[in-house]
Amino acid sequence: MLNAANTPESATTATSLCWSCSAPLKEGALFCEQCGKIQPPSGGYFSVFGLEPRLNLDLGMLEHQFHKLSRKLHPDRFGRASEQEKEWSLASSSLLNDAYRTLKEPIARTRHLLRMHGAEIGEEFAGKDKKDPSRAPADLLEEVFELNMQLEELRMGDEDAGLKQSLSEARKKIVALQGEVDDQLRTEWTKWDEGAESGNDAAREAAQKTMIALLDRRRYLSNLVREVTETLGDS
């Protein structure tokens, strides 16, 4: 699995004013630092946590911030608040939960950040041949052909133990290939982050292009694992 390290810089740009005390607010801030009043949710997943959009995150700090903000948004804290503030607290809780679920998961975080920068990610965009997004990567054509033949034999009722063993071994190999993709993605994370921090758009865009291809490959491999698992009828 992918791991993350390095703490991104905190977002400090003041983009609006507190509705209660008119103090400047950090981008995406859920609460005013001056008076403590809740604010209307307005930020994205990264800014809710006061983070710059980066791929290498300090997951421990992310979790700490999540629990800290969750406590501040607890309904008991808004028992005497206005209806508007109660609505904001509910909307902010939903935003916070969605943001945490996305950012703590490496692949979800990668997809989210790349989509923020206009990347087309998903089955409908997979590969150059948009008419056949399920097409096997060129280096896996022979193996996938053999795998599909074995899967079809099992679906047709062939209960041979050797066939099942072969499919189980194939699944292990595919999972290992997923691990290789994860390692490659981790390398591109650093390239993307460094390009973003230095203003090197060419480096960032090159890393983004590579990550899109890697995510396509990973999704294809994940689909293969799921297909083999479902056909074998185990987990």
Protein backbone atom coordinates (compact mmCIF):
# COMPACT_ATOMS: atom_id res chain seq x y z
CA MET A 1 0.00 0.00 0.00
CA LEU A 2 1.03 3.56 -0.54
CA ASN A 3 2.21 5.52 2.46
CA ALA A 4 2.52 9.28 2.79
CA ALA A 5 4.97 11.54 4.53
CA ASN A 6 5.93 15.20 4.75
CA THR A 7 3.60 17.89 6.03
CA PRO A 8 2.31 20.33 3.41
CA GLU A 9 2.42 24.03 4.12
CA SER A 10 -0.68 25.52 5.72
CA ALA A 11 -2.91 27.64 3.54
CA THR A 12 -2.67 31.18 4.84
CA THR A 13 -4.21 33.31 2.12
CA ALA A 14 -7.01 35.49 3.44
CA THR A 15 -9.84 35.31 0.93
CA SER A 16 -12.87 36.59 2.87
CA LEU A 17 -14.02 38.16 6.11
CA CYS A 18 -15.77 36.68 9.14
CA TRP A 19 -19.50 37.40 9.08
CA SER A 20 -19.44 38.08 12.82
CA CYS A 21 -16.30 40.13 13.56
CA SER A 22 -15.03 40.98 10.05
CA ALA A 23 -11.61 39.45 10.73
CA PRO A 24 -9.82 38.06 7.64
CA LEU A 25 -10.28 34.32 7.13
CA LYS A 26 -7.88 31.74 5.80
CA GLU A 27 -9.01 30.01 2.66
CA GLY A 28 -11.56 27.31 3.48
CA ALA A 29 -11.52 28.01 7.22
CA LEU A 30 -14.49 26.49 9.03
CA PHE A 31 -14.08 28.80 12.04
CA CYS A 32 -12.88 32.35 12.56
CA GLU A 33 -9.56 32.43 14.42
CA GLN A 34 -10.49 35.80 15.95
CA CYS A 35 -13.95 35.21 17.42
CA GLY A 36 -14.35 31.44 17.00
CA LYS A 37 -17.62 31.66 15.10
CA ILE A 38 -18.44 29.00 12.53
CA GLN A 39 -18.26 30.15 8.91
CA PRO A 40 -20.22 29.09 5.84
CA PRO A 41 -18.34 26.16 4.23
CA SER A 42 -16.55 27.44 1.16
CA GLY A 43 -13.32 25.52 0.70
CA GLY A 44 -12.20 22.34 -0.97
CA TYR A 45 -10.93 19.14 0.59
CA PHE A 46 -7.39 20.39 1.19
CA SER A 47 -8.23 23.89 2.39
CA VAL A 48 -10.71 22.55 4.97
CA PHE A 49 -7.66 21.14 6.76
CA GLY A 50 -5.55 24.23 6.12
CA LEU A 51 -3.37 22.33 3.64
CA GLU A 52 -1.82 23.19 0.31
CA PRO A 53 -2.90 20.74 -2.43
CA ARG A 54 -0.12 18.18 -2.25
CA LEU A 55 0.15 14.42 -2.63
CA ASN A 56 2.59 13.70 0.19
CA LEU A 57 0.65 14.31 3.38
CA ASP A 58 1.35 13.78 7.06
CA LEU A 59 -1.49 11.34 7.70
CA GLY A 60 -1.07 11.55 11.46
CA MET A 61 -1.58 15.29 11.38
CA LEU A 62 -4.50 14.89 8.98
CA GLU A 63 -6.22 12.52 11.43
CA HIS A 64 -5.48 14.85 14.34
CA GLN A 65 -7.02 17.80 12.49
CA PHE A 66 -10.02 15.71 11.52
CA HIS A 67 -10.83 14.74 15.10
CA LYS A 68 -10.17 18.28 16.33
CA LEU A 69 -12.56 19.81 13.77
CA SER A 70 -15.12 17.03 14.28
CA ARG A 71 -15.30 17.89 17.98
CA LYS A 72 -15.74 21.57 17.19
CA LEU A 73 -18.57 20.72 14.79
CA HIS A 74 -20.42 18.42 17.21
CA PRO A 75 -24.17 19.30 17.37
CA ASP A 76 -23.98 19.79 21.16
CA ARG A 77 -21.85 22.87 20.56
CA PHE A 78 -24.60 24.52 18.53
CA GLY A 79 -27.58 24.01 20.83
CA ARG A 80 -28.00 27.78 21.31
CA ALA A 81 -26.70 28.86 17.93
CA SER A 82 -28.79 30.44 15.19
CA GLU A 83 -30.50 28.24 12.63
CA GLN A 84 -28.04 29.50 10.03
CA GLU A 85 -25.06 28.42 12.14
CA LYS A 86 -26.66 25.02 12.72
CA GLU A 87 -27.07 24.58 8.98
CA TRP A 88 -23.44 25.56 8.42
CA SER A 89 -22.28 23.08 11.07
CA LEU A 90 -24.13 20.21 9.37
CA ALA A 91 -22.83 21.18 5.93
CA SER A 92 -19.29 21.54 7.28
CA SER A 93 -19.47 18.14 9.00
CA SER A 94 -20.45 16.52 5.72
CA LEU A 95 -17.66 18.34 3.87
CA LEU A 96 -15.11 17.42 6.55
CA ASN A 97 -16.05 13.72 6.46
CA ASP A 98 -15.89 13.59 2.66
CA ALA A 99 -12.56 15.40 2.65
CA TYR A 100 -11.04 13.08 5.26
CA ARG A 101 -12.21 9.91 3.51
CA THR A 102 -10.70 11.13 0.26
CA LEU A 103 -7.41 12.56 1.48
CA LYS A 104 -6.47 9.70 3.81
CA GLU A 105 -6.65 7.16 0.96
CA PRO A 106 -3.65 7.42 -1.39
CA ILE A 107 -5.41 6.53 -4.64
CA ALA A 108 -8.50 8.61 -3.87
CA ARG A 109 -6.26 11.54 -2.92
CA THR A 110 -4.30 11.24 -6.15
CA ARG A 111 -7.43 11.12 -8.29
CA HIS A 112 -8.95 14.07 -6.45
CA LEU A 113 -5.91 16.32 -6.79
CA LEU A 114 -5.40 15.48 -10.45
CA ARG A 115 -9.06 16.17 -11.20
CA MET A 116 -8.62 19.54 -9.46
CA HIS A 117 -6.06 20.27 -12.18
CA GLY A 118 -8.28 19.19 -15.04
CA ALA A 119 -7.14 15.59 -15.46
CA GLU A 120 -9.59 13.24 -17.16
CA ILE A 121 -9.58 10.11 -14.99
CA GLY A 122 -11.97 7.19 -15.17
CA GLU A 123 -13.14 4.34 -17.37
CA GLU A 124 -14.47 6.75 -19.99
CA PHE A 125 -11.04 8.33 -20.40
CA ALA A 126 -8.86 5.22 -20.08
CA GLY A 127 -6.24 4.75 -22.79
CA LYS A 128 -6.00 6.39 -26.18
CA ASP A 129 -8.72 4.18 -27.63
CA LYS A 130 -11.76 5.74 -25.98
CA LYS A 131 -14.00 3.12 -27.68
CA ASP A 132 -12.30 0.33 -25.74
CA PRO A 133 -11.32 1.56 -22.26
CA SER A 134 -11.01 -2.04 -21.02
CA ARG A 135 -8.21 -2.84 -23.50
CA ALA A 136 -5.30 -4.65 -21.82
CA PRO A 137 -1.96 -2.81 -21.51
CA ALA A 138 0.37 -3.91 -24.32
CA ASP A 139 2.83 -5.63 -21.98
CA LEU A 140 0.06 -7.76 -20.47
CA LEU A 141 -1.73 -8.91 -23.63
CA GLU A 142 -0.49 -12.50 -23.62
CA GLU A 143 -1.01 -13.00 -19.89
CA VAL A 144 -4.48 -11.48 -19.97
CA PHE A 145 -5.45 -13.63 -22.96
CA GLU A 146 -4.39 -16.77 -21.08
CA LEU A 147 -6.10 -15.58 -17.92
CA ASN A 148 -9.37 -14.96 -19.76
CA MET A 149 -9.22 -18.44 -21.28
CA GLN A 150 -8.79 -19.97 -17.83
CA LEU A 151 -11.60 -17.89 -16.39
CA GLU A 152 -13.92 -18.99 -19.18
CA GLU A 153 -13.03 -22.65 -18.55
CA LEU A 154 -13.90 -22.28 -14.87
CA ARG A 155 -17.18 -20.53 -15.69
CA MET A 156 -18.05 -23.38 -18.04
CA GLY A 157 -17.86 -25.81 -15.14
CA ASP A 158 -14.27 -27.02 -15.17
CA GLU A 159 -13.57 -27.65 -11.46
CA ASP A 160 -10.01 -28.90 -12.00
CA ALA A 161 -7.90 -28.10 -8.92
CA GLY A 162 -4.94 -27.24 -11.09
CA LEU A 163 -6.95 -24.62 -12.94
CA LYS A 164 -8.01 -22.98 -9.71
CA GLN A 165 -4.45 -23.04 -8.43
CA SER A 166 -3.24 -21.43 -11.65
CA LEU A 167 -5.81 -18.66 -11.32
CA SER A 168 -4.86 -18.09 -7.68
CA GLU A 169 -1.22 -17.74 -8.68
CA ALA A 170 -2.17 -15.35 -11.47
CA ARG A 171 -4.08 -13.24 -8.96
CA LYS A 172 -1.02 -13.03 -6.71
CA LYS A 173 1.04 -11.82 -9.65
CA ILE A 174 -1.51 -9.16 -10.54
CA VAL A 175 -1.59 -7.94 -6.94
CA ALA A 176 2.21 -7.69 -7.07
CA LEU A 177 1.93 -5.62 -10.25
CA GLN A 178 -0.46 -3.30 -8.38
CA GLY A 179 2.22 -2.87 -5.75
CA GLU A 180 4.71 -1.87 -8.44
CA VAL A 181 2.28 0.73 -9.73
CA ASP A 182 1.88 2.09 -6.21
CA ASP A 183 5.64 2.47 -5.91
CA GLN A 184 5.77 4.32 -9.21
CA LEU A 185 2.92 6.58 -8.16
CA ARG A 186 4.75 7.43 -4.96
CA THR A 187 7.74 8.56 -7.00
CA GLU A 188 5.52 10.76 -9.16
CA TRP A 189 3.93 12.27 -6.04
CA THR A 190 7.26 13.78 -5.10
CA LYS A 191 7.87 15.07 -8.63
CA TRP A 192 4.40 16.64 -8.72
CA ASP A 193 4.78 18.24 -5.28
CA GLU A 194 8.23 19.61 -6.06
CA GLY A 195 6.98 21.03 -9.35
CA ALA A 196 4.02 22.68 -7.63
CA GLU A 197 6.14 24.15 -4.85
CA SER A 198 8.81 25.52 -7.22
CA GLY A 199 6.39 26.76 -9.85
CA ASN A 200 7.83 24.33 -12.40
CA ASP A 201 4.67 23.68 -14.40
CA ALA A 202 6.46 21.49 -16.95
CA ALA A 203 7.66 19.08 -14.23
CA ARG A 204 4.25 19.04 -12.57
CA GLU A 205 2.44 18.40 -15.85
CA ALA A 206 4.86 15.62 -16.79
CA ALA A 207 4.26 13.92 -13.42
CA GLN A 208 0.52 14.38 -13.86
CA LYS A 209 0.58 12.72 -17.28
CA THR A 210 2.51 9.77 -15.88
CA MET A 211 0.15 9.41 -12.92
CA ILE A 212 -2.90 9.37 -15.17
CA ALA A 213 -1.38 6.46 -17.12
CA LEU A 214 -0.46 4.67 -13.89
CA LEU A 215 -3.98 5.10 -12.50
CA ASP A 216 -5.39 3.64 -15.73
CA ARG A 217 -3.09 0.65 -15.34
CA ARG A 218 -3.93 0.22 -11.68
CA ARG A 219 -7.66 0.32 -12.36
CA TYR A 220 -7.27 -2.33 -15.05
CA LEU A 221 -5.30 -4.56 -12.69
CA SER A 222 -7.88 -4.04 -9.93
CA ASN A 223 -10.63 -5.11 -12.30
CA LEU A 224 -8.68 -8.27 -13.14
CA VAL A 225 -8.23 -9.12 -9.46
CA ARG A 226 -11.92 -8.62 -8.82
CA GLU A 227 -12.89 -10.75 -11.82
CA VAL A 228 -10.63 -13.62 -10.77
CA THR A 229 -11.83 -13.42 -7.16
CA GLU A 230 -15.49 -13.44 -8.18
CA THR A 231 -14.97 -16.37 -10.55
CA LEU A 232 -13.09 -18.37 -7.92
CA GLY A 233 -15.84 -17.55 -5.45
CA ASP A 234 -13.48 -16.64 -2.62
CA SER A 235 -11.89 -13.57 -1.06
